[in-house]
Each structure stands twice: as C-alpha cells, then as structure tokens.
Amino acid sequence: QIRGRKQFICYPPEDTEKLHSLPVDEVDGRTSLFDPEHPDFGRFPNARKAQAYSVVVEEGETVVLPARWWHWAKSLTPSITLMRNFVNQSNLQDHLAIRQRAEKMKAMKADRQ
C-alpha cells in the first residue's frame, strides 16, 4: 500500500461454492455477487458458512494472497495501491494451462472473423 488505508476481506478457495461463485469466462475467471460489506444472506445463504479473514493494510504494508483466494477490497481513505500477480513453482502449471486456454480462445475468435 503506497498511500492510504485499504481493507481486504478474504476467503479461502475451499469456500468457492459457499460464495455462490459463477464462471465469468471459459479461461479461468470466476466472480461472486456476494458483498461481504453488506451481506445478503437471504440471497446468498451459504455465504454465512464461509470463513472470512479481514485485514486493514496501512501505508507501507503488503498483503499477500495465495493463489485462488477470494478477496474483496475497499479503500478506507484516498489510496494508491500497487498490485502484482506472481508465477512461481506453486502455480506454474495452473498459469500455463490458463494461458493455453486463452490462446485457444483467441484462435477460435480469429477463425470466426
């Protein structure tokens, strides 16, 4: 966090179904409409069973999220945030599979045009 304060609410990958996750695309995107700041447990009843972890990141601090962890973020003050995704031995195979699917999708789209 370069400037300001930001809150993160995170959920482990095991809670994916509890967060009523929906696929966004055929590559690897997933999303959830569940809002942990204003939880609607009537609409998303399984989210009540999800294990939330909350942290406030201050200027000069870093939060590291393991691969596939869900996160929701909110700036608590005007903020400048630097984010970075890393590829290493623990996620290299997933990264390569996602890239391969993305390249196949690009080729399929180009063939249709």
N, C-alpha and C. Protein backbone atom coordinates (compact mmCIF):
# COMPACT_ATOMS: atom_id res chain seq x y z
N GLN A 1 0.86 -1.16 0.00
CA GLN A 1 0.00 0.00 0.00
C GLN A 1 0.91 1.23 0.00
N ILE A 2 0.84 2.01 -1.06
CA ILE A 2 1.73 3.17 -1.16
C ILE A 2 1.18 4.34 -0.35
N ARG A 3 -0.09 4.64 -0.52
CA ARG A 3 -0.75 5.72 0.23
C ARG A 3 -2.11 5.23 0.70
N GLY A 4 -2.53 5.73 1.84
CA GLY A 4 -3.88 5.44 2.32
C GLY A 4 -4.00 4.10 3.03
N ARG A 5 -5.25 3.77 3.32
CA ARG A 5 -5.58 2.53 4.03
C ARG A 5 -6.60 1.76 3.21
N LYS A 6 -6.47 0.44 3.20
CA LYS A 6 -7.39 -0.39 2.44
C LYS A 6 -7.75 -1.61 3.27
N GLN A 7 -9.03 -1.95 3.25
CA GLN A 7 -9.49 -3.16 3.93
C GLN A 7 -9.64 -4.28 2.92
N PHE A 8 -9.17 -5.46 3.28
CA PHE A 8 -9.36 -6.67 2.49
C PHE A 8 -10.16 -7.67 3.31
N ILE A 9 -11.17 -8.25 2.70
CA ILE A 9 -11.87 -9.39 3.29
C ILE A 9 -11.60 -10.55 2.34
N CYS A 10 -11.03 -11.62 2.88
CA CYS A 10 -10.57 -12.73 2.06
C CYS A 10 -11.23 -14.03 2.49
N TYR A 11 -11.37 -14.93 1.53
CA TYR A 11 -11.96 -16.25 1.76
C TYR A 11 -11.08 -17.30 1.09
N PRO A 12 -10.88 -18.44 1.74
CA PRO A 12 -10.07 -19.49 1.13
C PRO A 12 -10.78 -20.12 -0.06
N PRO A 13 -10.02 -20.75 -0.95
CA PRO A 13 -10.62 -21.37 -2.14
C PRO A 13 -11.66 -22.43 -1.80
N GLU A 14 -11.53 -23.05 -0.65
CA GLU A 14 -12.50 -24.08 -0.25
C GLU A 14 -13.90 -23.51 -0.09
N ASP A 15 -14.00 -22.18 0.05
CA ASP A 15 -15.31 -21.53 0.22
C ASP A 15 -15.95 -21.09 -1.09
N THR A 16 -15.38 -21.48 -2.22
CA THR A 16 -15.88 -21.04 -3.52
C THR A 16 -17.38 -21.29 -3.67
N GLU A 17 -17.84 -22.49 -3.38
CA GLU A 17 -19.27 -22.79 -3.54
C GLU A 17 -20.11 -22.04 -2.53
N LYS A 18 -19.58 -21.81 -1.34
CA LYS A 18 -20.33 -21.07 -0.31
C LYS A 18 -20.55 -19.62 -0.72
N LEU A 19 -19.68 -19.12 -1.58
CA LEU A 19 -19.78 -17.72 -2.03
C LEU A 19 -20.63 -17.59 -3.30
N HIS A 20 -21.30 -18.68 -3.68
CA HIS A 20 -22.20 -18.67 -4.84
C HIS A 20 -21.46 -18.19 -6.08
N SER A 21 -20.29 -18.76 -6.31
CA SER A 21 -19.41 -18.38 -7.40
C SER A 21 -20.03 -18.71 -8.75
N LEU A 22 -19.79 -17.83 -9.70
CA LEU A 22 -20.26 -18.01 -11.07
C LEU A 22 -19.08 -17.90 -12.02
N PRO A 23 -18.99 -18.79 -13.03
CA PRO A 23 -17.92 -18.63 -14.03
C PRO A 23 -18.18 -17.38 -14.86
N VAL A 24 -17.11 -16.65 -15.14
CA VAL A 24 -17.22 -15.44 -15.95
C VAL A 24 -16.87 -15.74 -17.40
N ASP A 25 -15.88 -16.56 -17.62
CA ASP A 25 -15.46 -16.89 -18.98
C ASP A 25 -14.90 -18.30 -19.00
N GLU A 26 -14.57 -18.76 -20.19
CA GLU A 26 -14.08 -20.12 -20.32
C GLU A 26 -12.61 -20.25 -19.96
N VAL A 27 -11.92 -19.16 -19.70
CA VAL A 27 -10.49 -19.24 -19.42
C VAL A 27 -10.29 -19.61 -17.95
N ASP A 28 -10.55 -18.72 -17.04
CA ASP A 28 -10.38 -19.06 -15.63
C ASP A 28 -11.06 -18.04 -14.72
N GLY A 29 -11.79 -17.11 -15.28
CA GLY A 29 -12.39 -16.08 -14.45
C GLY A 29 -13.60 -16.59 -13.69
N ARG A 30 -13.70 -16.21 -12.44
CA ARG A 30 -14.87 -16.52 -11.62
C ARG A 30 -15.19 -15.27 -10.84
N THR A 31 -16.46 -15.12 -10.51
CA THR A 31 -16.88 -13.97 -9.73
C THR A 31 -17.96 -14.41 -8.76
N SER A 32 -18.23 -13.57 -7.80
CA SER A 32 -19.32 -13.77 -6.87
C SER A 32 -20.00 -12.43 -6.66
N LEU A 33 -21.31 -12.44 -6.64
CA LEU A 33 -22.06 -11.20 -6.40
C LEU A 33 -22.25 -10.94 -4.91
N PHE A 34 -21.78 -11.87 -4.06
CA PHE A 34 -21.88 -11.69 -2.62
C PHE A 34 -21.02 -10.51 -2.19
N ASP A 35 -21.60 -9.61 -1.41
CA ASP A 35 -20.92 -8.41 -0.92
C ASP A 35 -20.68 -8.57 0.58
N PRO A 36 -19.44 -8.82 1.01
CA PRO A 36 -19.20 -9.02 2.44
C PRO A 36 -19.41 -7.77 3.28
N GLU A 37 -19.40 -6.60 2.65
CA GLU A 37 -19.65 -5.38 3.42
C GLU A 37 -21.12 -5.24 3.78
N HIS A 38 -21.99 -5.69 2.87
CA HIS A 38 -23.44 -5.66 3.08
C HIS A 38 -24.00 -7.03 2.73
N PRO A 39 -23.72 -8.03 3.58
CA PRO A 39 -24.12 -9.40 3.22
C PRO A 39 -25.63 -9.58 3.15
N ASP A 40 -26.07 -10.19 2.07
CA ASP A 40 -27.48 -10.54 1.88
C ASP A 40 -27.59 -12.06 2.00
N PHE A 41 -27.74 -12.53 3.25
CA PHE A 41 -27.78 -13.96 3.48
C PHE A 41 -29.08 -14.58 3.02
N GLY A 42 -30.10 -13.77 2.77
CA GLY A 42 -31.32 -14.29 2.17
C GLY A 42 -31.07 -14.73 0.74
N ARG A 43 -30.31 -13.93 0.02
CA ARG A 43 -30.00 -14.22 -1.38
C ARG A 43 -28.83 -15.21 -1.51
N PHE A 44 -27.89 -15.14 -0.56
CA PHE A 44 -26.69 -15.97 -0.60
C PHE A 44 -26.55 -16.72 0.73
N PRO A 45 -27.43 -17.66 1.01
CA PRO A 45 -27.46 -18.31 2.33
C PRO A 45 -26.18 -19.08 2.68
N ASN A 46 -25.53 -19.68 1.71
CA ASN A 46 -24.32 -20.46 2.01
C ASN A 46 -23.15 -19.59 2.43
N ALA A 47 -23.20 -18.29 2.09
CA ALA A 47 -22.09 -17.39 2.44
C ALA A 47 -21.94 -17.27 3.95
N ARG A 48 -23.00 -17.53 4.68
CA ARG A 48 -22.92 -17.48 6.15
C ARG A 48 -21.92 -18.52 6.68
N LYS A 49 -21.72 -19.60 5.93
CA LYS A 49 -20.80 -20.68 6.35
C LYS A 49 -19.36 -20.41 5.93
N ALA A 50 -19.12 -19.40 5.11
CA ALA A 50 -17.77 -19.11 4.62
C ALA A 50 -16.93 -18.47 5.73
N GLN A 51 -15.64 -18.79 5.74
CA GLN A 51 -14.72 -18.27 6.75
C GLN A 51 -14.04 -17.01 6.21
N ALA A 52 -14.45 -15.85 6.70
CA ALA A 52 -13.88 -14.58 6.25
C ALA A 52 -12.67 -14.20 7.11
N TYR A 53 -11.66 -13.67 6.45
CA TYR A 53 -10.49 -13.12 7.13
C TYR A 53 -10.39 -11.66 6.71
N SER A 54 -10.32 -10.76 7.68
CA SER A 54 -10.30 -9.33 7.38
C SER A 54 -8.98 -8.72 7.86
N VAL A 55 -8.44 -7.83 7.05
CA VAL A 55 -7.22 -7.13 7.41
C VAL A 55 -7.29 -5.71 6.86
N VAL A 56 -6.74 -4.77 7.59
CA VAL A 56 -6.59 -3.40 7.09
C VAL A 56 -5.12 -3.19 6.80
N VAL A 57 -4.82 -2.81 5.57
CA VAL A 57 -3.45 -2.58 5.13
C VAL A 57 -3.17 -1.08 5.21
N GLU A 58 -2.10 -0.76 5.91
CA GLU A 58 -1.69 0.64 6.10
C GLU A 58 -0.59 1.00 5.11
N GLU A 59 -0.28 2.28 5.01
CA GLU A 59 0.81 2.74 4.14
C GLU A 59 2.08 1.96 4.44
N GLY A 60 2.74 1.50 3.37
CA GLY A 60 3.99 0.78 3.52
C GLY A 60 3.83 -0.70 3.79
N GLU A 61 2.62 -1.18 4.00
CA GLU A 61 2.40 -2.60 4.27
C GLU A 61 1.99 -3.34 3.01
N THR A 62 2.08 -4.66 3.07
CA THR A 62 1.75 -5.52 1.95
C THR A 62 0.84 -6.63 2.45
N VAL A 63 -0.11 -7.02 1.62
CA VAL A 63 -0.90 -8.22 1.88
C VAL A 63 -0.62 -9.18 0.75
N VAL A 64 -0.36 -10.44 1.10
CA VAL A 64 -0.08 -11.47 0.10
C VAL A 64 -1.24 -12.47 0.15
N LEU A 65 -1.88 -12.63 -0.99
CA LEU A 65 -2.98 -13.59 -1.08
C LEU A 65 -2.51 -14.81 -1.85
N PRO A 66 -2.65 -15.99 -1.28
CA PRO A 66 -2.29 -17.19 -2.03
C PRO A 66 -3.18 -17.36 -3.26
N ALA A 67 -2.74 -18.17 -4.19
CA ALA A 67 -3.49 -18.42 -5.42
C ALA A 67 -4.90 -18.87 -5.10
N ARG A 68 -5.85 -18.35 -5.88
CA ARG A 68 -7.26 -18.72 -5.85
C ARG A 68 -8.03 -18.26 -4.61
N TRP A 69 -7.41 -17.47 -3.75
CA TRP A 69 -8.15 -16.92 -2.62
C TRP A 69 -9.06 -15.81 -3.12
N TRP A 70 -10.28 -15.79 -2.62
CA TRP A 70 -11.24 -14.74 -2.93
C TRP A 70 -10.86 -13.51 -2.13
N HIS A 71 -11.02 -12.35 -2.74
CA HIS A 71 -10.77 -11.12 -1.98
C HIS A 71 -11.72 -10.02 -2.43
N TRP A 72 -12.07 -9.23 -1.46
CA TRP A 72 -12.90 -8.04 -1.65
C TRP A 72 -12.09 -6.92 -1.02
N ALA A 73 -11.99 -5.80 -1.68
CA ALA A 73 -11.16 -4.71 -1.16
C ALA A 73 -11.92 -3.40 -1.20
N LYS A 74 -11.63 -2.56 -0.21
CA LYS A 74 -12.27 -1.24 -0.13
C LYS A 74 -11.24 -0.24 0.39
N SER A 75 -11.08 0.86 -0.35
CA SER A 75 -10.22 1.94 0.14
C SER A 75 -10.93 2.63 1.29
N LEU A 76 -10.26 2.73 2.41
CA LEU A 76 -10.82 3.42 3.58
C LEU A 76 -10.48 4.90 3.57
N THR A 77 -9.42 5.23 2.87
CA THR A 77 -9.02 6.62 2.66
C THR A 77 -8.55 6.73 1.21
N PRO A 78 -8.40 7.94 0.66
CA PRO A 78 -7.84 8.04 -0.69
C PRO A 78 -6.53 7.25 -0.75
N SER A 79 -6.40 6.40 -1.75
CA SER A 79 -5.32 5.42 -1.75
C SER A 79 -4.61 5.30 -3.10
N ILE A 80 -3.37 4.90 -3.01
CA ILE A 80 -2.60 4.44 -4.16
C ILE A 80 -2.14 3.04 -3.79
N THR A 81 -2.52 2.07 -4.62
CA THR A 81 -2.21 0.67 -4.34
C THR A 81 -1.44 0.10 -5.51
N LEU A 82 -0.41 -0.66 -5.23
CA LEU A 82 0.35 -1.38 -6.24
C LEU A 82 0.03 -2.85 -6.07
N MET A 83 -0.48 -3.48 -7.14
CA MET A 83 -0.82 -4.90 -7.09
C MET A 83 0.04 -5.64 -8.09
N ARG A 84 0.33 -6.89 -7.77
CA ARG A 84 1.17 -7.69 -8.64
C ARG A 84 0.77 -9.16 -8.51
N ASN A 85 0.67 -9.86 -9.63
CA ASN A 85 0.46 -11.31 -9.64
C ASN A 85 1.80 -11.98 -9.88
N PHE A 86 2.05 -13.06 -9.17
CA PHE A 86 3.31 -13.76 -9.29
C PHE A 86 3.09 -15.17 -9.81
N VAL A 87 4.01 -15.64 -10.62
CA VAL A 87 4.03 -17.01 -11.08
C VAL A 87 5.31 -17.63 -10.53
N ASN A 88 5.14 -18.76 -9.83
CA ASN A 88 6.29 -19.48 -9.31
C ASN A 88 6.00 -20.98 -9.37
N GLN A 89 6.83 -21.78 -8.75
CA GLN A 89 6.67 -23.24 -8.82
C GLN A 89 5.31 -23.70 -8.30
N SER A 90 4.73 -23.00 -7.32
CA SER A 90 3.47 -23.46 -6.75
C SER A 90 2.28 -23.26 -7.69
N ASN A 91 2.37 -22.33 -8.63
CA ASN A 91 1.23 -22.09 -9.52
C ASN A 91 1.59 -22.10 -11.01
N LEU A 92 2.79 -22.54 -11.34
CA LEU A 92 3.24 -22.51 -12.73
C LEU A 92 2.35 -23.35 -13.63
N GLN A 93 2.00 -24.56 -13.24
CA GLN A 93 1.18 -25.43 -14.09
C GLN A 93 -0.21 -24.81 -14.32
N ASP A 94 -0.82 -24.26 -13.28
CA ASP A 94 -2.11 -23.58 -13.45
C ASP A 94 -1.97 -22.41 -14.41
N HIS A 95 -0.92 -21.63 -14.25
CA HIS A 95 -0.69 -20.47 -15.10
C HIS A 95 -0.56 -20.88 -16.57
N LEU A 96 0.24 -21.92 -16.83
CA LEU A 96 0.43 -22.37 -18.20
C LEU A 96 -0.86 -22.91 -18.80
N ALA A 97 -1.67 -23.62 -18.02
CA ALA A 97 -2.95 -24.15 -18.52
C ALA A 97 -3.90 -23.00 -18.84
N ILE A 98 -3.94 -21.98 -18.02
CA ILE A 98 -4.80 -20.81 -18.27
C ILE A 98 -4.35 -20.10 -19.54
N ARG A 99 -3.05 -19.91 -19.70
CA ARG A 99 -2.53 -19.26 -20.92
C ARG A 99 -2.87 -20.06 -22.15
N GLN A 100 -2.76 -21.39 -22.06
CA GLN A 100 -3.08 -22.24 -23.20
C GLN A 100 -4.56 -22.12 -23.57
N ARG A 101 -5.44 -22.12 -22.59
CA ARG A 101 -6.88 -21.95 -22.87
C ARG A 101 -7.16 -20.58 -23.47
N ALA A 102 -6.48 -19.57 -22.99
CA ALA A 102 -6.67 -18.22 -23.53
C ALA A 102 -6.23 -18.14 -24.98
N GLU A 103 -5.10 -18.77 -25.30
CA GLU A 103 -4.61 -18.77 -26.69
C GLU A 103 -5.58 -19.52 -27.60
N LYS A 104 -6.14 -20.63 -27.13
CA LYS A 104 -7.13 -21.37 -27.93
C LYS A 104 -8.36 -20.52 -28.19
N MET A 105 -8.81 -19.78 -27.16
CA MET A 105 -9.99 -18.92 -27.34
C MET A 105 -9.71 -17.81 -28.34
N LYS A 106 -8.52 -17.21 -28.27
CA LYS A 106 -8.16 -16.17 -29.24
C LYS A 106 -8.16 -16.72 -30.65
N ALA A 107 -7.61 -17.92 -30.82
CA ALA A 107 -7.57 -18.53 -32.15
C ALA A 107 -8.99 -18.82 -32.65
N MET A 108 -9.86 -19.31 -31.78
CA MET A 108 -11.23 -19.59 -32.18
C MET A 108 -11.96 -18.31 -32.59
N LYS A 109 -11.75 -17.23 -31.86
CA LYS A 109 -12.38 -15.96 -32.21
C LYS A 109 -11.86 -15.45 -33.55
N ALA A 110 -10.56 -15.60 -33.78
CA ALA A 110 -9.97 -15.14 -35.05
C ALA A 110 -10.51 -15.95 -36.22
N ASP A 111 -10.74 -17.25 -36.00
CA ASP A 111 -11.28 -18.09 -37.06
C ASP A 111 -12.70 -17.69 -37.43
N ARG A 112 -13.47 -17.20 -36.45
CA ARG A 112 -14.87 -16.79 -36.72
C ARG A 112 -14.97 -15.48 -37.46
N GLN A 113 -13.90 -14.70 -37.47
CA GLN A 113 -13.97 -13.37 -38.09
C GLN A 113 -13.63 -13.40 -39.53
